[in-house]
PDB file of all heavy atoms in Angstrom:
ATOM      1  N   PRO A   1       2.899  10.288  -2.178  1.00  0.00           N
ATOM      2  CA  PRO A   1       3.236   9.768  -3.505  1.00  0.00           C
ATOM      3  C   PRO A   1       4.573  10.262  -4.033  1.00  0.00           C
ATOM      4  O   PRO A   1       5.135   9.646  -4.950  1.00  0.00           O
ATOM      5  CB  PRO A   1       2.075  10.269  -4.378  1.00  0.00           C
ATOM      6  CG  PRO A   1       1.526  11.453  -3.658  1.00  0.00           C
ATOM      7  CD  PRO A   1       1.714  11.161  -2.200  1.00  0.00           C
ATOM      8  N   ASN A   2       5.076  11.338  -3.465  1.00  0.00           N
ATOM      9  CA  ASN A   2       6.360  11.880  -3.935  1.00  0.00           C
ATOM     10  C   ASN A   2       7.553  11.270  -3.215  1.00  0.00           C
ATOM     11  O   ASN A   2       8.617  11.074  -3.808  1.00  0.00           O
ATOM     12  CB  ASN A   2       6.380  13.399  -3.755  1.00  0.00           C
ATOM     13  CG  ASN A   2       5.332  14.090  -4.600  1.00  0.00           C
ATOM     14  OD1 ASN A   2       5.120  13.738  -5.758  1.00  0.00           O
ATOM     15  ND2 ASN A   2       4.655  15.073  -4.019  1.00  0.00           N
ATOM     16  N   THR A   3       7.384  10.954  -1.913  1.00  0.00           N
ATOM     17  CA  THR A   3       8.508  10.447  -1.123  1.00  0.00           C
ATOM     18  C   THR A   3       8.376   8.968  -0.774  1.00  0.00           C
ATOM     19  O   THR A   3       9.368   8.340  -0.385  1.00  0.00           O
ATOM     20  CB  THR A   3       8.627  11.230   0.186  1.00  0.00           C
ATOM     21  OG1 THR A   3       7.466  10.973   0.999  1.00  0.00           O
ATOM     22  CG2 THR A   3       8.732  12.727  -0.076  1.00  0.00           C
ATOM     23  N   SER A   4       7.160   8.429  -0.875  1.00  0.00           N
ATOM     24  CA  SER A   4       6.843   7.049  -0.485  1.00  0.00           C
ATOM     25  C   SER A   4       6.935   6.826   1.020  1.00  0.00           C
ATOM     26  O   SER A   4       6.888   5.685   1.480  1.00  0.00           O
ATOM     27  CB  SER A   4       7.742   6.038  -1.221  1.00  0.00           C
ATOM     28  OG  SER A   4       7.445   6.036  -2.607  1.00  0.00           O
ATOM     29  N   PHE A   5       7.050   7.904   1.793  1.00  0.00           N
ATOM     30  CA  PHE A   5       7.037   7.763   3.249  1.00  0.00           C
ATOM     31  C   PHE A   5       5.591   7.720   3.745  1.00  0.00           C
ATOM     32  O   PHE A   5       4.705   8.381   3.186  1.00  0.00           O
ATOM     33  CB  PHE A   5       7.769   8.936   3.918  1.00  0.00           C
ATOM     34  CG  PHE A   5       9.263   8.891   3.749  1.00  0.00           C
ATOM     35  CD1 PHE A   5       9.948   9.967   3.196  1.00  0.00           C
ATOM     36  CD2 PHE A   5       9.985   7.774   4.140  1.00  0.00           C
ATOM     37  CE1 PHE A   5      11.319   9.935   3.028  1.00  0.00           C
ATOM     38  CE2 PHE A   5      11.372   7.729   3.987  1.00  0.00           C
ATOM     39  CZ  PHE A   5      12.040   8.812   3.430  1.00  0.00           C
ATOM     40  N   PRO A   6       5.316   6.962   4.807  1.00  0.00           N
ATOM     41  CA  PRO A   6       3.959   6.918   5.370  1.00  0.00           C
ATOM     42  C   PRO A   6       3.485   8.311   5.774  1.00  0.00           C
ATOM     43  O   PRO A   6       4.261   9.093   6.334  1.00  0.00           O
ATOM     44  CB  PRO A   6       4.116   6.010   6.591  1.00  0.00           C
ATOM     45  CG  PRO A   6       5.319   5.177   6.300  1.00  0.00           C
ATOM     46  CD  PRO A   6       6.246   6.079   5.538  1.00  0.00           C
ATOM     47  N   ASN A   7       2.219   8.632   5.470  1.00  0.00           N
ATOM     48  CA  ASN A   7       1.728   9.965   5.824  1.00  0.00           C
ATOM     49  C   ASN A   7       0.404   9.963   6.596  1.00  0.00           C
ATOM     50  O   ASN A   7       0.026  10.988   7.158  1.00  0.00           O
ATOM     51  CB  ASN A   7       1.611  10.857   4.586  1.00  0.00           C
ATOM     52  CG  ASN A   7       0.602  10.340   3.571  1.00  0.00           C
ATOM     53  OD1 ASN A   7      -0.074   9.334   3.796  1.00  0.00           O
ATOM     54  ND2 ASN A   7       0.509  11.016   2.437  1.00  0.00           N
ATOM     55  N   ALA A   8      -0.316   8.832   6.634  1.00  0.00           N
ATOM     56  CA  ALA A   8      -1.580   8.815   7.381  1.00  0.00           C
ATOM     57  C   ALA A   8      -2.017   7.388   7.669  1.00  0.00           C
ATOM     58  O   ALA A   8      -1.680   6.442   6.936  1.00  0.00           O
ATOM     59  CB  ALA A   8      -2.676   9.549   6.606  1.00  0.00           C
ATOM     60  N   LYS A   9      -2.783   7.260   8.765  1.00  0.00           N
ATOM     61  CA  LYS A   9      -3.459   6.001   9.082  1.00  0.00           C
ATOM     62  C   LYS A   9      -4.949   6.229   8.855  1.00  0.00           C
ATOM     63  O   LYS A   9      -5.552   7.077   9.516  1.00  0.00           O
ATOM     64  CB  LYS A   9      -3.205   5.575  10.533  1.00  0.00           C
ATOM     65  CG  LYS A   9      -1.790   5.118  10.824  1.00  0.00           C
ATOM     66  CD  LYS A   9      -1.667   4.577  12.247  1.00  0.00           C
ATOM     67  CE  LYS A   9      -2.421   3.274  12.436  1.00  0.00           C
ATOM     68  NZ  LYS A   9      -2.161   2.651  13.761  1.00  0.00           N
ATOM     69  N   ILE A  10      -5.522   5.513   7.911  1.00  0.00           N
ATOM     70  CA  ILE A  10      -6.917   5.699   7.543  1.00  0.00           C
ATOM     71  C   ILE A  10      -7.751   4.539   8.090  1.00  0.00           C
ATOM     72  O   ILE A  10      -7.471   3.367   7.788  1.00  0.00           O
ATOM     73  CB  ILE A  10      -7.096   5.771   6.016  1.00  0.00           C
ATOM     74  CG1 ILE A  10      -6.162   6.825   5.412  1.00  0.00           C
ATOM     75  CG2 ILE A  10      -8.550   6.070   5.664  1.00  0.00           C
ATOM     76  CD1 ILE A  10      -6.466   8.231   5.808  1.00  0.00           C
ATOM     77  N   PHE A  11      -8.760   4.883   8.896  1.00  0.00           N
ATOM     78  CA  PHE A  11      -9.633   3.864   9.467  1.00  0.00           C
ATOM     79  C   PHE A  11     -10.738   3.521   8.467  1.00  0.00           C
ATOM     80  O   PHE A  11     -11.340   4.417   7.856  1.00  0.00           O
ATOM     81  CB  PHE A  11     -10.263   4.361  10.768  1.00  0.00           C
ATOM     82  CG  PHE A  11     -11.146   3.346  11.436  1.00  0.00           C
ATOM     83  CD1 PHE A  11     -10.595   2.272  12.121  1.00  0.00           C
ATOM     84  CD2 PHE A  11     -12.528   3.461  11.375  1.00  0.00           C
ATOM     85  CE1 PHE A  11     -11.393   1.323  12.727  1.00  0.00           C
ATOM     86  CE2 PHE A  11     -13.345   2.523  11.983  1.00  0.00           C
ATOM     87  CZ  PHE A  11     -12.778   1.445  12.664  1.00  0.00           C
ATOM     88  N   TYR A  12     -11.009   2.226   8.319  1.00  0.00           N
ATOM     89  CA  TYR A  12     -12.023   1.785   7.351  1.00  0.00           C
ATOM     90  C   TYR A  12     -12.752   0.566   7.895  1.00  0.00           C
ATOM     91  O   TYR A  12     -12.290  -0.115   8.824  1.00  0.00           O
ATOM     92  CB  TYR A  12     -11.376   1.443   6.007  1.00  0.00           C
ATOM     93  CG  TYR A  12     -10.584   0.145   6.024  1.00  0.00           C
ATOM     94  CD1 TYR A  12     -11.103  -1.021   5.462  1.00  0.00           C
ATOM     95  CD2 TYR A  12      -9.329   0.077   6.614  1.00  0.00           C
ATOM     96  CE1 TYR A  12     -10.393  -2.212   5.480  1.00  0.00           C
ATOM     97  CE2 TYR A  12      -8.608  -1.109   6.647  1.00  0.00           C
ATOM     98  CZ  TYR A  12      -9.139  -2.257   6.080  1.00  0.00           C
ATOM     99  OH  TYR A  12      -8.439  -3.435   6.116  1.00  0.00           O
ATOM    100  N   VAL A  13     -13.894   0.298   7.322  1.00  0.00           N
ATOM    101  CA  VAL A  13     -14.643  -0.931   7.590  1.00  0.00           C
ATOM    102  C   VAL A  13     -15.013  -1.517   6.235  1.00  0.00           C
ATOM    103  O   VAL A  13     -15.609  -0.833   5.398  1.00  0.00           O
ATOM    104  CB  VAL A  13     -15.916  -0.670   8.417  1.00  0.00           C
ATOM    105  CG1 VAL A  13     -16.682  -1.973   8.623  1.00  0.00           C
ATOM    106  CG2 VAL A  13     -15.565  -0.031   9.762  1.00  0.00           C
ATOM    107  N   ALA A  14     -14.642  -2.778   6.024  1.00  0.00           N
ATOM    108  CA  ALA A  14     -14.908  -3.435   4.746  1.00  0.00           C
ATOM    109  C   ALA A  14     -15.767  -4.673   4.951  1.00  0.00           C
ATOM    110  O   ALA A  14     -15.583  -5.415   5.921  1.00  0.00           O
ATOM    111  CB  ALA A  14     -13.598  -3.817   4.059  1.00  0.00           C
ATOM    112  N   PHE A  15     -16.694  -4.883   4.032  1.00  0.00           N
ATOM    113  CA  PHE A  15     -17.522  -6.079   4.013  1.00  0.00           C
ATOM    114  C   PHE A  15     -17.274  -6.778   2.683  1.00  0.00           C
ATOM    115  O   PHE A  15     -17.578  -6.222   1.613  1.00  0.00           O
ATOM    116  CB  PHE A  15     -19.003  -5.724   4.150  1.00  0.00           C
ATOM    117  CG  PHE A  15     -19.325  -4.950   5.403  1.00  0.00           C
ATOM    118  CD1 PHE A  15     -19.446  -3.567   5.368  1.00  0.00           C
ATOM    119  CD2 PHE A  15     -19.487  -5.605   6.612  1.00  0.00           C
ATOM    120  CE1 PHE A  15     -19.736  -2.842   6.515  1.00  0.00           C
ATOM    121  CE2 PHE A  15     -19.779  -4.889   7.778  1.00  0.00           C
ATOM    122  CZ  PHE A  15     -19.898  -3.512   7.732  1.00  0.00           C
ATOM    123  N   THR A  16     -16.709  -7.979   2.735  1.00  0.00           N
ATOM    124  CA  THR A  16     -16.359  -8.697   1.517  1.00  0.00           C
ATOM    125  C   THR A  16     -16.999 -10.075   1.520  1.00  0.00           C
ATOM    126  O   THR A  16     -16.905 -10.815   2.499  1.00  0.00           O
ATOM    127  CB  THR A  16     -14.832  -8.844   1.380  1.00  0.00           C
ATOM    128  OG1 THR A  16     -14.309  -9.452   2.574  1.00  0.00           O
ATOM    129  CG2 THR A  16     -14.176  -7.478   1.209  1.00  0.00           C
ATOM    130  N   ALA A  17     -17.684 -10.406   0.423  1.00  0.00           N
ATOM    131  CA  ALA A  17     -18.330 -11.707   0.302  1.00  0.00           C
ATOM    132  C   ALA A  17     -17.272 -12.792   0.195  1.00  0.00           C
ATOM    133  O   ALA A  17     -16.263 -12.639  -0.507  1.00  0.00           O
ATOM    134  CB  ALA A  17     -19.248 -11.729  -0.913  1.00  0.00           C
ATOM    135  N   ASN A  18     -17.473 -13.907   0.891  1.00  0.00           N
ATOM    136  CA  ASN A  18     -16.525 -15.021   0.865  1.00  0.00           C
ATOM    137  C   ASN A  18     -16.692 -15.838  -0.412  1.00  0.00           C
ATOM    138  O   ASN A  18     -17.761 -15.851  -1.032  1.00  0.00           O
ATOM    139  CB  ASN A  18     -16.731 -15.921   2.079  1.00  0.00           C
ATOM    140  CG  ASN A  18     -16.510 -15.178   3.389  1.00  0.00           C
ATOM    141  OD1 ASN A  18     -15.873 -14.117   3.415  1.00  0.00           O
ATOM    142  ND2 ASN A  18     -17.039 -15.718   4.475  1.00  0.00           N
ATOM    143  N   ASN A  19     -15.612 -16.500  -0.789  1.00  0.00           N
ATOM    144  CA  ASN A  19     -15.636 -17.435  -1.922  1.00  0.00           C
ATOM    145  C   ASN A  19     -16.040 -16.775  -3.231  1.00  0.00           C
ATOM    146  O   ASN A  19     -16.778 -17.338  -4.035  1.00  0.00           O
ATOM    147  CB  ASN A  19     -16.577 -18.609  -1.623  1.00  0.00           C
ATOM    148  CG  ASN A  19     -16.199 -19.346  -0.351  1.00  0.00           C
ATOM    149  OD1 ASN A  19     -15.017 -19.575  -0.086  1.00  0.00           O
ATOM    150  ND2 ASN A  19     -17.194 -19.689   0.457  1.00  0.00           N
ATOM    151  N   LYS A  20     -15.575 -15.555  -3.439  1.00  0.00           N
ATOM    152  CA  LYS A  20     -15.824 -14.864  -4.704  1.00  0.00           C
ATOM    153  C   LYS A  20     -14.496 -14.604  -5.405  1.00  0.00           C
ATOM    154  O   LYS A  20     -13.467 -14.347  -4.759  1.00  0.00           O
ATOM    155  CB  LYS A  20     -16.547 -13.531  -4.465  1.00  0.00           C
ATOM    156  CG  LYS A  20     -17.903 -13.648  -3.779  1.00  0.00           C
ATOM    157  CD  LYS A  20     -18.942 -14.252  -4.706  1.00  0.00           C
ATOM    158  CE  LYS A  20     -20.312 -14.264  -4.056  1.00  0.00           C
ATOM    159  NZ  LYS A  20     -21.343 -14.851  -4.933  1.00  0.00           N
ATOM    160  N   GLU A  21     -14.508 -14.644  -6.711  1.00  0.00           N
ATOM    161  CA  GLU A  21     -13.299 -14.380  -7.476  1.00  0.00           C
ATOM    162  C   GLU A  21     -12.973 -12.892  -7.448  1.00  0.00           C
ATOM    163  O   GLU A  21     -13.799 -12.064  -7.861  1.00  0.00           O
ATOM    164  CB  GLU A  21     -13.480 -14.836  -8.924  1.00  0.00           C
ATOM    165  CG  GLU A  21     -13.574 -16.345  -9.099  1.00  0.00           C
ATOM    166  CD  GLU A  21     -12.272 -17.047  -8.761  1.00  0.00           C
ATOM    167  OE1 GLU A  21     -11.202 -16.411  -8.902  1.00  0.00           O
ATOM    168  OE2 GLU A  21     -12.322 -18.218  -8.358  1.00  0.00           O
ATOM    169  N   ALA A  22     -11.779 -12.544  -6.979  1.00  0.00           N
ATOM    170  CA  ALA A  22     -11.405 -11.136  -6.827  1.00  0.00           C
ATOM    171  C   ALA A  22     -11.399 -10.393  -8.160  1.00  0.00           C
ATOM    172  O   ALA A  22     -11.695  -9.204  -8.220  1.00  0.00           O
ATOM    173  CB  ALA A  22     -10.033 -11.030  -6.162  1.00  0.00           C
ATOM    174  N   GLU A  23     -11.054 -11.094  -9.249  1.00  0.00           N
ATOM    175  CA  GLU A  23     -10.941 -10.411 -10.531  1.00  0.00           C
ATOM    176  C   GLU A  23     -12.291 -10.029 -11.126  1.00  0.00           C
ATOM    177  O   GLU A  23     -12.367  -9.156 -11.973  1.00  0.00           O
ATOM    178  CB  GLU A  23     -10.154 -11.280 -11.517  1.00  0.00           C
ATOM    179  CG  GLU A  23      -8.665 -11.340 -11.199  1.00  0.00           C
ATOM    180  CD  GLU A  23      -7.858 -11.851 -12.375  1.00  0.00           C
ATOM    181  OE1 GLU A  23      -8.449 -12.067 -13.452  1.00  0.00           O
ATOM    182  OE2 GLU A  23      -6.643 -12.029 -12.227  1.00  0.00           O
ATOM    183  N   THR A  24     -13.347 -10.699 -10.723  1.00  0.00           N
ATOM    184  CA  THR A  24     -14.661 -10.386 -11.269  1.00  0.00           C
ATOM    185  C   THR A  24     -15.584  -9.768 -10.234  1.00  0.00           C
ATOM    186  O   THR A  24     -16.647  -9.243 -10.598  1.00  0.00           O
ATOM    187  CB  THR A  24     -15.326 -11.661 -11.818  1.00  0.00           C
ATOM    188  OG1 THR A  24     -15.428 -12.635 -10.760  1.00  0.00           O
ATOM    189  CG2 THR A  24     -14.505 -12.240 -12.955  1.00  0.00           C
ATOM    190  N   ARG A  25     -15.196  -9.772  -8.992  1.00  0.00           N
ATOM    191  CA  ARG A  25     -16.028  -9.248  -7.912  1.00  0.00           C
ATOM    192  C   ARG A  25     -15.841  -7.733  -7.803  1.00  0.00           C
ATOM    193  O   ARG A  25     -14.748  -7.251  -7.522  1.00  0.00           O
ATOM    194  CB  ARG A  25     -15.636  -9.915  -6.592  1.00  0.00           C
ATOM    195  CG  ARG A  25     -16.317  -9.370  -5.347  1.00  0.00           C
ATOM    196  CD  ARG A  25     -17.777  -9.725  -5.300  1.00  0.00           C
ATOM    197  NE  ARG A  25     -18.356  -9.336  -4.001  1.00  0.00           N
ATOM    198  CZ  ARG A  25     -19.649  -9.341  -3.748  1.00  0.00           C
ATOM    199  NH1 ARG A  25     -20.509  -9.710  -4.685  1.00  0.00           N
ATOM    200  NH2 ARG A  25     -20.103  -8.992  -2.563  1.00  0.00           N
ATOM    201  N   PRO A  26     -16.891  -6.941  -8.006  1.00  0.00           N
ATOM    202  CA  PRO A  26     -16.776  -5.487  -7.876  1.00  0.00           C
ATOM    203  C   PRO A  26     -16.428  -5.087  -6.441  1.00  0.00           C
ATOM    204  O   PRO A  26     -16.783  -5.780  -5.477  1.00  0.00           O
ATOM    205  CB  PRO A  26     -18.160  -4.981  -8.261  1.00  0.00           C
ATOM    206  CG  PRO A  26     -18.758  -6.071  -9.093  1.00  0.00           C
ATOM    207  CD  PRO A  26     -18.226  -7.340  -8.500  1.00  0.00           C
ATOM    208  N   VAL A  27     -15.754  -3.962  -6.303  1.00  0.00           N
ATOM    209  CA  VAL A  27     -15.467  -3.387  -4.987  1.00  0.00           C
ATOM    210  C   VAL A  27     -15.822  -1.902  -5.039  1.00  0.00           C
ATOM    211  O   VAL A  27     -15.455  -1.196  -5.984  1.00  0.00           O
ATOM    212  CB  VAL A  27     -13.991  -3.592  -4.571  1.00  0.00           C
ATOM    213  CG1 VAL A  27     -13.021  -3.012  -5.600  1.00  0.00           C
ATOM    214  CG2 VAL A  27     -13.735  -3.000  -3.189  1.00  0.00           C
ATOM    215  N   THR A  28     -16.577  -1.450  -4.034  1.00  0.00           N
ATOM    216  CA  THR A  28     -17.045  -0.066  -3.990  1.00  0.00           C
ATOM    217  C   THR A  28     -16.474   0.627  -2.761  1.00  0.00           C
ATOM    218  O   THR A  28     -16.532   0.095  -1.649  1.00  0.00           O
ATOM    219  CB  THR A  28     -18.585  -0.008  -3.935  1.00  0.00           C
ATOM    220  OG1 THR A  28     -19.115  -0.660  -5.089  1.00  0.00           O
ATOM    221  CG2 THR A  28     -19.077   1.428  -3.892  1.00  0.00           C
ATOM    222  N   PHE A  29     -15.939   1.827  -2.962  1.00  0.00           N
ATOM    223  CA  PHE A  29     -15.390   2.640  -1.877  1.00  0.00           C
ATOM    224  C   PHE A  29     -16.382   3.748  -1.555  1.00  0.00           C
ATOM    225  O   PHE A  29     -16.769   4.525  -2.426  1.00  0.00           O
ATOM    226  CB  PHE A  29     -14.033   3.214  -2.281  1.00  0.00           C
ATOM    227  CG  PHE A  29     -13.011   2.150  -2.582  1.00  0.00           C
ATOM    228  CD1 PHE A  29     -12.821   1.684  -3.880  1.00  0.00           C
ATOM    229  CD2 PHE A  29     -12.263   1.588  -1.558  1.00  0.00           C
ATOM    230  CE1 PHE A  29     -11.905   0.687  -4.160  1.00  0.00           C
ATOM    231  CE2 PHE A  29     -11.331   0.579  -1.824  1.00  0.00           C
ATOM    232  CZ  PHE A  29     -11.150   0.126  -3.129  1.00  0.00           C
ATOM    233  N   LEU A  30     -16.810   3.806  -0.300  1.00  0.00           N
ATOM    234  CA  LEU A  30     -17.876   4.715   0.121  1.00  0.00           C
ATOM    235  C   LEU A  30     -17.382   5.682   1.187  1.00  0.00           C
ATOM    236  O   LEU A  30     -16.545   5.330   2.037  1.00  0.00           O
ATOM    237  CB  LEU A  30     -19.070   3.934   0.677  1.00  0.00           C
ATOM    238  CG  LEU A  30     -19.679   2.828  -0.177  1.00  0.00           C
ATOM    239  CD1 LEU A  30     -19.022   1.482   0.129  1.00  0.00           C
ATOM    240  CD2 LEU A  30     -21.180   2.709   0.069  1.00  0.00           C
ATOM    241  N   TYR A  31     -17.947   6.899   1.174  1.00  0.00           N
ATOM    242  CA  TYR A  31     -17.623   7.898   2.185  1.00  0.00           C
ATOM    243  C   TYR A  31     -18.733   8.932   2.225  1.00  0.00           C
ATOM    244  O   TYR A  31     -19.460   9.143   1.258  1.00  0.00           O
ATOM    245  CB  TYR A  31     -16.289   8.596   1.876  1.00  0.00           C
ATOM    246  CG  TYR A  31     -15.994   8.721   0.411  1.00  0.00           C
ATOM    247  CD1 TYR A  31     -16.671   9.644  -0.391  1.00  0.00           C
ATOM    248  CD2 TYR A  31     -15.071   7.895  -0.205  1.00  0.00           C
ATOM    249  CE1 TYR A  31     -16.428   9.733  -1.741  1.00  0.00           C
ATOM    250  CE2 TYR A  31     -14.814   7.977  -1.564  1.00  0.00           C
ATOM    251  CZ  TYR A  31     -15.496   8.889  -2.331  1.00  0.00           C
ATOM    252  OH  TYR A  31     -15.269   8.976  -3.680  1.00  0.00           O
ATOM    253  N   ASN A  32     -18.854   9.572   3.380  1.00  0.00           N
ATOM    254  CA  ASN A  32     -19.800  10.671   3.530  1.00  0.00           C
ATOM    255  C   ASN A  32     -19.109  11.977   3.172  1.00  0.00           C
ATOM    256  O   ASN A  32     -18.144  11.989   2.417  1.00  0.00           O
ATOM    257  CB  ASN A  32     -20.375  10.695   4.941  1.00  0.00           C
ATOM    258  CG  ASN A  32     -21.517   9.711   5.106  1.00  0.00           C
ATOM    259  OD1 ASN A  32     -21.316   8.564   5.473  1.00  0.00           O
ATOM    260  ND2 ASN A  32     -22.734  10.163   4.828  1.00  0.00           N
ATOM    261  N   GLY A  33     -19.582  13.087   3.706  1.00  0.00           N
ATOM    262  CA  GLY A  33     -19.064  14.369   3.256  1.00  0.00           C
ATOM    263  C   GLY A  33     -18.584  15.260   4.367  1.00  0.00           C
ATOM    264  O   GLY A  33     -17.640  14.993   5.063  1.00  0.00           O
ATOM    265  N   GLY A  34     -19.269  16.371   4.549  1.00  0.00           N
ATOM    266  CA  GLY A  34     -18.894  17.373   5.545  1.00  0.00           C
ATOM    267  C   GLY A  34     -18.428  18.662   4.890  1.00  0.00           C
ATOM    268  O   GLY A  34     -19.242  19.504   4.547  1.00  0.00           O
ATOM    269  N   PRO A  35     -17.141  18.858   4.677  1.00  0.00           N
ATOM    270  CA  PRO A  35     -16.043  18.006   5.100  1.00  0.00           C
ATOM    271  C   PRO A  35     -16.022  17.839   6.624  1.00  0.00           C
ATOM    272  O   PRO A  35     -16.387  18.763   7.343  1.00  0.00           O
ATOM    273  CB  PRO A  35     -14.785  18.754   4.628  1.00  0.00           C
ATOM    274  CG  PRO A  35     -15.261  19.688   3.575  1.00  0.00           C
ATOM    275  CD  PRO A  35     -16.654  20.084   3.987  1.00  0.00           C
ATOM    276  N   GLY A  36     -15.610  16.667   7.067  1.00  0.00           N
ATOM    277  CA  GLY A  36     -15.499  16.393   8.488  1.00  0.00           C
ATOM    278  C   GLY A  36     -16.417  15.292   8.969  1.00  0.00           C
ATOM    279  O   GLY A  36     -16.494  15.011  10.160  1.00  0.00           O
ATOM    280  N   SER A  37     -17.115  14.636   8.049  1.00  0.00           N
ATOM    281  CA  SER A  37     -18.016  13.555   8.438  1.00  0.00           C
ATOM    282  C   SER A  37     -17.345  12.211   8.244  1.00  0.00           C
ATOM    283  O   SER A  37     -16.681  11.969   7.232  1.00  0.00           O
ATOM    284  CB  SER A  37     -19.305  13.611   7.616  1.00  0.00           C
ATOM    285  OG  SER A  37     -20.145  12.518   7.931  1.00  0.00           O
ATOM    286  N   SER A  38     -17.532  11.331   9.220  1.00  0.00           N
ATOM    287  CA  SER A  38     -17.088   9.952   9.068  1.00  0.00           C
ATOM    288  C   SER A  38     -18.044   9.221   8.135  1.00  0.00           C
ATOM    289  O   SER A  38     -19.047   9.781   7.688  1.00  0.00           O
ATOM    290  CB  SER A  38     -17.064   9.259  10.432  1.00  0.00           C
ATOM    291  OG  SER A  38     -18.394   9.063  10.902  1.00  0.00           O
ATOM    292  N   ALA A  39     -17.769   7.955   7.896  1.00  0.00           N
ATOM    293  CA  ALA A  39     -18.608   7.160   6.996  1.00  0.00           C
ATOM    294  C   ALA A  39     -19.728   6.442   7.734  1.00  0.00           C
ATOM    295  O   ALA A  39     -20.426   5.616   7.130  1.00  0.00           O
ATOM    296  CB  ALA A  39     -17.745   6.139   6.247  1.00  0.00           C
ATOM    297  N   VAL A  40     -19.928   6.746   9.016  1.00  0.00           N
ATOM    298  CA  VAL A  40     -20.895   5.998   9.810  1.00  0.00           C
ATOM    299  C   VAL A  40     -22.319   6.148   9.295  1.00  0.00           C
ATOM    300  O   VAL A  40     -23.145   5.236   9.386  1.00  0.00           O
ATOM    301  CB  VAL A  40     -20.809   6.416  11.297  1.00  0.00           C
ATOM    302  CG1 VAL A  40     -21.256   7.848  11.495  1.00  0.00           C
ATOM    303  CG2 VAL A  40     -21.628   5.476  12.169  1.00  0.00           C
TER     304      VAL A  40
END
């Protein structure tokens, strides 16, 4: 955020419903813990 240079590649899996309005469709970001656990 200070330099705007790329600092990481984050792997994710997203499930998005088709034909939904983006402005009214909620989006939830999920993760496990650990520290060191993936989201599997």
